[in-house]
Amino acid sequence: MFGRKKLRQRAEVDGQLLELIYDVHDQMLRERKLVESATDGEERRQKARVALQEGLYDFLHRQAKRRRIDPAQVERFSVRHNLAQINK
């Protein structure tokens, strides 16, 4: 009755944070693959993009730890994300 709305909102925000973390992680992996295939001129730019993605991923990961996201929610999201990756 009291406080349920806050809990529901917190779960939604935590879900959005988890989705963002996984999106940034996927983007970071794509950028790393591009670095391997880049020429010398593009390599520095690609490395900078990878460093930016790594920094963003680390920041988001620390925010998730600070928010103390429910481990069950992380597990559900992780399974759903991994199944989506397999089905691509």
N, C-alpha and C. Protein backbone atom coordinates (compact mmCIF):
# COMPACT_ATOMS: atom_id res chain seq x y z
N MET A 1 0.82 -1.17 0.00
CA MET A 1 0.00 0.00 0.00
C MET A 1 0.88 1.25 0.00
N PHE A 2 1.64 1.44 1.05
CA PHE A 2 2.52 2.60 1.10
C PHE A 2 3.91 2.17 0.65
N GLY A 3 4.47 2.89 -0.28
CA GLY A 3 5.82 2.61 -0.73
C GLY A 3 5.91 1.62 -1.89
N ARG A 4 4.80 1.04 -2.29
CA ARG A 4 4.84 0.08 -3.40
C ARG A 4 5.22 0.77 -4.70
N LYS A 5 4.74 1.99 -4.87
CA LYS A 5 5.05 2.72 -6.09
C LYS A 5 6.55 2.97 -6.19
N LYS A 6 7.17 3.32 -5.07
CA LYS A 6 8.61 3.56 -5.06
C LYS A 6 9.38 2.29 -5.41
N LEU A 7 8.94 1.16 -4.86
CA LEU A 7 9.62 -0.10 -5.17
C LEU A 7 9.47 -0.45 -6.64
N ARG A 8 8.30 -0.22 -7.20
CA ARG A 8 8.07 -0.52 -8.61
C ARG A 8 8.91 0.40 -9.49
N GLN A 9 8.97 1.68 -9.13
CA GLN A 9 9.78 2.63 -9.89
C GLN A 9 11.26 2.27 -9.79
N ARG A 10 11.68 1.87 -8.61
CA ARG A 10 13.09 1.49 -8.42
C ARG A 10 13.44 0.28 -9.29
N ALA A 11 12.54 -0.69 -9.35
CA ALA A 11 12.78 -1.87 -10.18
C ALA A 11 12.84 -1.50 -11.65
N GLU A 12 12.01 -0.57 -12.08
CA GLU A 12 12.03 -0.12 -13.48
C GLU A 12 13.34 0.59 -13.80
N VAL A 13 13.76 1.48 -12.91
CA VAL A 13 15.01 2.22 -13.12
C VAL A 13 16.21 1.25 -13.10
N ASP A 14 16.18 0.29 -12.19
CA ASP A 14 17.24 -0.71 -12.14
C ASP A 14 17.28 -1.51 -13.43
N GLY A 15 16.12 -1.86 -13.97
CA GLY A 15 16.05 -2.59 -15.24
C GLY A 15 16.62 -1.76 -16.38
N GLN A 16 16.33 -0.47 -16.39
CA GLN A 16 16.88 0.41 -17.42
C GLN A 16 18.40 0.50 -17.29
N LEU A 17 18.88 0.56 -16.06
CA LEU A 17 20.33 0.62 -15.84
C LEU A 17 20.99 -0.67 -16.32
N LEU A 18 20.39 -1.81 -16.02
CA LEU A 18 20.94 -3.08 -16.48
C LEU A 18 20.96 -3.16 -18.00
N GLU A 19 19.89 -2.70 -18.62
CA GLU A 19 19.83 -2.71 -20.08
C GLU A 19 20.93 -1.83 -20.67
N LEU A 20 21.14 -0.67 -20.08
CA LEU A 20 22.19 0.23 -20.54
C LEU A 20 23.57 -0.40 -20.35
N ILE A 21 23.78 -1.07 -19.23
CA ILE A 21 25.06 -1.71 -18.98
C ILE A 21 25.35 -2.76 -20.05
N TYR A 22 24.37 -3.60 -20.34
CA TYR A 22 24.58 -4.64 -21.35
C TYR A 22 24.76 -4.04 -22.75
N ASP A 23 24.04 -2.96 -23.07
CA ASP A 23 24.22 -2.31 -24.36
C ASP A 23 25.63 -1.74 -24.51
N VAL A 24 26.10 -1.09 -23.45
CA VAL A 24 27.45 -0.51 -23.48
C VAL A 24 28.49 -1.62 -23.58
N HIS A 25 28.27 -2.72 -22.89
CA HIS A 25 29.22 -3.84 -22.94
C HIS A 25 29.27 -4.42 -24.36
N ASP A 26 28.12 -4.60 -24.99
CA ASP A 26 28.09 -5.09 -26.37
C ASP A 26 28.79 -4.13 -27.32
N GLN A 27 28.54 -2.83 -27.14
CA GLN A 27 29.19 -1.83 -27.98
C GLN A 27 30.70 -1.85 -27.77
N MET A 28 31.14 -2.04 -26.53
CA MET A 28 32.57 -2.10 -26.23
C MET A 28 33.21 -3.29 -26.96
N LEU A 29 32.54 -4.43 -26.96
CA LEU A 29 33.09 -5.60 -27.66
C LEU A 29 33.16 -5.36 -29.16
N ARG A 30 32.14 -4.69 -29.73
CA ARG A 30 32.17 -4.37 -31.17
C ARG A 30 33.32 -3.42 -31.49
N GLU A 31 33.54 -2.43 -30.63
CA GLU A 31 34.63 -1.48 -30.85
C GLU A 31 35.99 -2.19 -30.78
N ARG A 32 36.14 -3.14 -29.86
CA ARG A 32 37.41 -3.88 -29.77
C ARG A 32 37.67 -4.68 -31.04
N LYS A 33 36.62 -5.25 -31.62
CA LYS A 33 36.79 -5.99 -32.88
C LYS A 33 37.19 -5.06 -34.00
N LEU A 34 36.65 -3.83 -33.99
CA LEU A 34 37.01 -2.87 -35.02
C LEU A 34 38.46 -2.44 -34.90
N VAL A 35 38.98 -2.37 -33.69
CA VAL A 35 40.38 -1.99 -33.49
C VAL A 35 41.30 -3.02 -34.14
N GLU A 36 40.93 -4.29 -34.01
CA GLU A 36 41.76 -5.34 -34.59
C GLU A 36 41.83 -5.25 -36.11
N SER A 37 40.76 -4.77 -36.75
CA SER A 37 40.74 -4.71 -38.21
C SER A 37 41.02 -3.31 -38.75
N ALA A 38 41.34 -2.35 -37.89
CA ALA A 38 41.55 -0.97 -38.32
C ALA A 38 42.95 -0.78 -38.90
N THR A 39 43.06 0.20 -39.80
CA THR A 39 44.36 0.58 -40.33
C THR A 39 45.04 1.50 -39.32
N ASP A 40 46.29 1.87 -39.61
CA ASP A 40 47.06 2.67 -38.66
C ASP A 40 46.41 4.01 -38.35
N GLY A 41 45.88 4.69 -39.35
CA GLY A 41 45.26 5.99 -39.12
C GLY A 41 44.01 5.91 -38.29
N GLU A 42 43.24 4.87 -38.49
CA GLU A 42 41.98 4.71 -37.75
C GLU A 42 42.20 4.09 -36.37
N GLU A 43 43.34 3.45 -36.19
CA GLU A 43 43.57 2.69 -34.97
C GLU A 43 43.53 3.56 -33.72
N ARG A 44 44.13 4.74 -33.77
CA ARG A 44 44.14 5.61 -32.60
C ARG A 44 42.73 6.06 -32.24
N ARG A 45 41.95 6.38 -33.27
CA ARG A 45 40.58 6.81 -33.03
C ARG A 45 39.74 5.67 -32.45
N GLN A 46 39.95 4.47 -32.97
CA GLN A 46 39.21 3.31 -32.47
C GLN A 46 39.61 2.99 -31.02
N LYS A 47 40.89 3.11 -30.71
CA LYS A 47 41.34 2.86 -29.34
C LYS A 47 40.73 3.87 -28.38
N ALA A 48 40.59 5.12 -28.83
CA ALA A 48 39.96 6.13 -27.99
C ALA A 48 38.49 5.79 -27.74
N ARG A 49 37.81 5.29 -28.77
CA ARG A 49 36.41 4.89 -28.60
C ARG A 49 36.29 3.72 -27.64
N VAL A 50 37.22 2.77 -27.74
CA VAL A 50 37.20 1.63 -26.82
C VAL A 50 37.42 2.10 -25.39
N ALA A 51 38.37 3.00 -25.19
CA ALA A 51 38.64 3.53 -23.86
C ALA A 51 37.41 4.26 -23.31
N LEU A 52 36.71 5.00 -24.16
CA LEU A 52 35.50 5.69 -23.74
C LEU A 52 34.42 4.70 -23.33
N GLN A 53 34.24 3.64 -24.11
CA GLN A 53 33.24 2.63 -23.79
C GLN A 53 33.60 1.90 -22.49
N GLU A 54 34.88 1.61 -22.30
CA GLU A 54 35.31 0.94 -21.07
C GLU A 54 35.06 1.81 -19.85
N GLY A 55 35.34 3.10 -19.98
CA GLY A 55 35.10 4.02 -18.87
C GLY A 55 33.62 4.13 -18.54
N LEU A 56 32.79 4.20 -19.57
CA LEU A 56 31.35 4.26 -19.36
C LEU A 56 30.83 2.98 -18.72
N TYR A 57 31.34 1.84 -19.18
CA TYR A 57 30.94 0.55 -18.61
C TYR A 57 31.32 0.47 -17.13
N ASP A 58 32.54 0.87 -16.81
CA ASP A 58 32.98 0.85 -15.41
C ASP A 58 32.12 1.76 -14.53
N PHE A 59 31.81 2.95 -15.05
CA PHE A 59 30.97 3.88 -14.30
C PHE A 59 29.59 3.29 -14.04
N LEU A 60 28.97 2.75 -15.07
CA LEU A 60 27.63 2.17 -14.92
C LEU A 60 27.64 0.97 -13.98
N HIS A 61 28.71 0.18 -14.06
CA HIS A 61 28.82 -0.99 -13.19
C HIS A 61 28.93 -0.54 -11.73
N ARG A 62 29.70 0.51 -11.47
CA ARG A 62 29.81 1.03 -10.10
C ARG A 62 28.47 1.59 -9.62
N GLN A 63 27.73 2.24 -10.52
CA GLN A 63 26.42 2.76 -10.13
C GLN A 63 25.46 1.63 -9.76
N ALA A 64 25.53 0.53 -10.52
CA ALA A 64 24.68 -0.62 -10.21
C ALA A 64 25.04 -1.20 -8.85
N LYS A 65 26.33 -1.26 -8.54
CA LYS A 65 26.74 -1.76 -7.23
C LYS A 65 26.28 -0.82 -6.12
N ARG A 66 26.37 0.46 -6.36
CA ARG A 66 25.96 1.44 -5.37
C ARG A 66 24.45 1.37 -5.11
N ARG A 67 23.68 1.11 -6.15
CA ARG A 67 22.22 1.02 -6.02
C ARG A 67 21.80 -0.30 -5.39
N ARG A 68 22.72 -1.25 -5.30
CA ARG A 68 22.42 -2.57 -4.73
C ARG A 68 21.23 -3.21 -5.42
N ILE A 69 21.39 -3.38 -6.73
CA ILE A 69 20.33 -3.99 -7.53
C ILE A 69 20.11 -5.42 -7.07
N ASP A 70 18.86 -5.81 -7.02
CA ASP A 70 18.46 -7.14 -6.58
C ASP A 70 19.13 -8.21 -7.46
N PRO A 71 19.86 -9.15 -6.87
CA PRO A 71 20.52 -10.19 -7.66
C PRO A 71 19.57 -11.01 -8.51
N ALA A 72 18.36 -11.22 -8.04
CA ALA A 72 17.38 -11.97 -8.83
C ALA A 72 17.02 -11.21 -10.10
N GLN A 73 16.93 -9.89 -10.00
CA GLN A 73 16.62 -9.08 -11.17
C GLN A 73 17.79 -9.12 -12.16
N VAL A 74 19.01 -9.08 -11.65
CA VAL A 74 20.18 -9.17 -12.52
C VAL A 74 20.20 -10.51 -13.23
N GLU A 75 19.90 -11.57 -12.51
CA GLU A 75 19.90 -12.90 -13.10
C GLU A 75 18.84 -13.02 -14.20
N ARG A 76 17.63 -12.54 -13.93
CA ARG A 76 16.57 -12.61 -14.94
C ARG A 76 16.95 -11.82 -16.18
N PHE A 77 17.50 -10.63 -15.98
CA PHE A 77 17.88 -9.81 -17.12
C PHE A 77 19.02 -10.44 -17.89
N SER A 78 19.98 -11.01 -17.19
CA SER A 78 21.12 -11.64 -17.83
C SER A 78 20.69 -12.82 -18.70
N VAL A 79 19.80 -13.64 -18.17
CA VAL A 79 19.30 -14.79 -18.93
C VAL A 79 18.57 -14.31 -20.17
N ARG A 80 17.70 -13.31 -20.00
CA ARG A 80 16.95 -12.79 -21.15
C ARG A 80 17.88 -12.20 -22.20
N HIS A 81 18.91 -11.48 -21.76
CA HIS A 81 19.86 -10.87 -22.69
C HIS A 81 20.67 -11.94 -23.43
N ASN A 82 21.12 -12.95 -22.70
CA ASN A 82 21.91 -14.02 -23.33
C ASN A 82 21.07 -14.81 -24.33
N LEU A 83 19.82 -15.06 -24.01
CA LEU A 83 18.94 -15.76 -24.95
C LEU A 83 18.71 -14.93 -26.21
N ALA A 84 18.59 -13.63 -26.05
CA ALA A 84 18.43 -12.76 -27.20
C ALA A 84 19.68 -12.79 -28.08
N GLN A 85 20.86 -12.84 -27.44
CA GLN A 85 22.11 -12.92 -28.20
C GLN A 85 22.22 -14.23 -28.97
N ILE A 86 21.76 -15.31 -28.37
CA ILE A 86 21.83 -16.62 -29.02
C ILE A 86 20.88 -16.66 -30.21
N ASN A 87 19.72 -16.07 -30.07
CA ASN A 87 18.70 -16.12 -31.12
C ASN A 87 18.97 -15.16 -32.27
N LYS A 88 19.97 -14.32 -32.17
CA LYS A 88 20.29 -13.39 -33.26
C LYS A 88 20.85 -14.10 -34.45
